[in-house]
Amino acid sequence: MSMAADEFERLVIDELDALPDDMVDGIENVAFLVEDRPADGSLSLLGEYNGISLTRRDRYGFGEMPDRIIVYREPLLSICGDESELRDQVHVTLVHEIAHYFGIDDSELHELGWA
């Protein structure tokens, strides 16, 4: 599947906007980004959370850089056959990375069916 970068970014924004309010309420100081691929160039990583989860964080100080949730376009496109499947996978990826922000690790996400 192929999709222009700006169209993909719009899709990610739409999926982020469609998440339930109770999932995104309480998210502070987080930048959501779209990049083509991870730094290592692989297609195996669909998204990434960079930051300190709420369960490990003391509190924000003045002027701290935001945490980041990155959605990787090319890896997602490589595993999806159509836009509907892409939307579903972007949704799962966003939920997965937001869960990391809230302190839910991969093993718990596997148990919940989100990994």
Protein backbone atom coordinates (compact mmCIF):
# COMPACT_ATOMS: atom_id res chain seq x y z
CA MET A 1 0.00 0.00 0.00
CA SER A 2 1.18 3.53 -0.66
CA MET A 3 0.01 6.88 0.67
CA ALA A 4 1.49 10.36 0.49
CA ALA A 5 3.03 11.65 3.71
CA ASP A 6 0.51 14.49 4.13
CA GLU A 7 -2.45 12.14 3.56
CA PHE A 8 -1.03 9.68 6.09
CA GLU A 9 -0.54 12.44 8.64
CA ARG A 10 -4.18 13.51 8.18
CA LEU A 11 -5.27 9.89 8.75
CA VAL A 12 -3.24 9.74 11.99
CA ILE A 13 -4.80 13.01 13.18
CA ASP A 14 -8.27 11.68 12.37
CA GLU A 15 -7.59 8.47 14.32
CA LEU A 16 -6.19 10.44 17.26
CA ASP A 17 -9.28 12.65 17.27
CA ALA A 18 -11.49 9.54 17.21
CA LEU A 19 -9.97 8.05 20.38
CA PRO A 20 -12.31 8.07 23.39
CA ASP A 21 -12.02 11.11 25.64
CA ASP A 22 -11.27 8.96 28.69
CA MET A 23 -8.20 7.59 26.88
CA VAL A 24 -6.70 10.97 26.04
CA ASP A 25 -7.82 12.98 29.07
CA GLY A 26 -4.83 13.57 31.29
CA ILE A 27 -2.25 13.47 28.51
CA GLU A 28 0.02 16.44 29.11
CA ASN A 29 3.17 17.67 27.43
CA VAL A 30 3.17 15.01 24.69
CA ALA A 31 3.94 15.72 21.04
CA PHE A 32 2.42 13.35 18.49
CA LEU A 33 4.66 12.99 15.43
CA VAL A 34 4.64 11.12 12.14
CA GLU A 35 7.94 9.98 10.67
CA ASP A 36 8.70 7.78 7.68
CA ARG A 37 10.81 5.16 9.51
CA PRO A 38 12.62 4.62 12.80
CA ALA A 39 16.23 5.81 13.01
CA ASP A 40 17.53 2.30 12.24
CA GLY A 41 15.56 2.27 8.96
CA SER A 42 13.68 -0.90 9.82
CA LEU A 43 10.09 -1.69 8.97
CA SER A 44 9.45 -3.64 12.17
CA LEU A 45 8.61 -0.76 14.54
CA LEU A 46 5.16 0.78 13.98
CA GLY A 47 5.26 3.41 16.72
CA GLU A 48 7.31 4.55 19.65
CA TYR A 49 6.88 6.36 22.95
CA ASN A 50 9.83 8.47 24.06
CA GLY A 51 9.52 9.87 27.54
CA ILE A 52 9.01 9.02 31.17
CA SER A 53 5.73 7.27 31.86
CA LEU A 54 3.35 8.72 34.43
CA THR A 55 4.01 5.82 36.78
CA ARG A 56 7.74 6.66 36.87
CA ARG A 57 7.50 10.45 36.70
CA ASP A 58 7.68 12.66 39.74
CA ARG A 59 6.23 15.78 38.13
CA TYR A 60 6.95 18.15 35.30
CA GLY A 61 9.25 21.02 35.93
CA PHE A 62 9.42 24.34 34.18
CA GLY A 63 10.43 24.26 30.52
CA GLU A 64 10.77 20.50 30.05
CA MET A 65 10.69 19.14 26.54
CA PRO A 66 7.54 17.15 25.76
CA ASP A 67 7.39 13.39 25.64
CA ARG A 68 6.93 12.10 22.10
CA ILE A 69 4.67 9.54 20.50
CA ILE A 70 5.89 8.74 17.01
CA VAL A 71 3.87 6.88 14.38
CA TYR A 72 5.98 5.40 11.56
CA ARG A 73 4.40 5.69 8.11
CA GLU A 74 6.39 3.21 6.00
CA PRO A 75 6.23 0.27 8.43
CA LEU A 76 2.47 0.72 8.82
CA LEU A 77 1.93 0.97 5.08
CA SER A 78 4.03 -2.16 4.56
CA ILE A 79 1.68 -4.34 6.66
CA CYS A 80 -1.66 -2.96 5.48
CA GLY A 81 -3.57 -3.86 2.36
CA ASP A 82 -6.09 -1.03 2.28
CA GLU A 83 -7.09 2.16 4.06
CA SER A 84 -9.52 0.45 6.40
CA GLU A 85 -6.81 -1.91 7.62
CA LEU A 86 -4.40 1.04 7.90
CA ARG A 87 -6.88 3.00 10.03
CA ASP A 88 -7.31 -0.01 12.32
CA GLN A 89 -3.56 -0.48 12.67
CA VAL A 90 -2.92 3.24 13.31
CA HIS A 91 -5.63 3.10 15.98
CA VAL A 92 -3.96 0.10 17.65
CA THR A 93 -0.54 1.78 17.41
CA LEU A 94 -1.82 4.99 19.03
CA VAL A 95 -3.53 3.06 21.83
CA HIS A 96 -0.35 1.04 22.37
CA GLU A 97 1.92 4.09 22.62
CA ILE A 98 -0.53 6.08 24.77
CA ALA A 99 -0.65 3.07 27.10
CA HIS A 100 3.14 3.33 27.49
CA TYR A 101 2.70 7.00 28.45
CA PHE A 102 0.32 5.88 31.21
CA GLY A 103 2.83 3.24 32.38
CA ILE A 104 1.38 0.07 30.84
CA ASP A 105 4.22 -2.15 29.63
CA ASP A 106 4.34 -4.54 26.66
CA SER A 107 3.56 -7.66 28.69
CA GLU A 108 0.36 -6.11 30.06
CA LEU A 109 -0.54 -4.84 26.58
CA HIS A 110 -0.12 -8.40 25.24
CA GLU A 111 -2.49 -9.66 27.94
CA LEU A 112 -5.01 -6.97 26.97
CA GLY A 113 -4.67 -7.75 23.25
CA TRP A 114 -3.10 -4.40 22.27
CA ALA A 115 0.38 -5.62 21.37
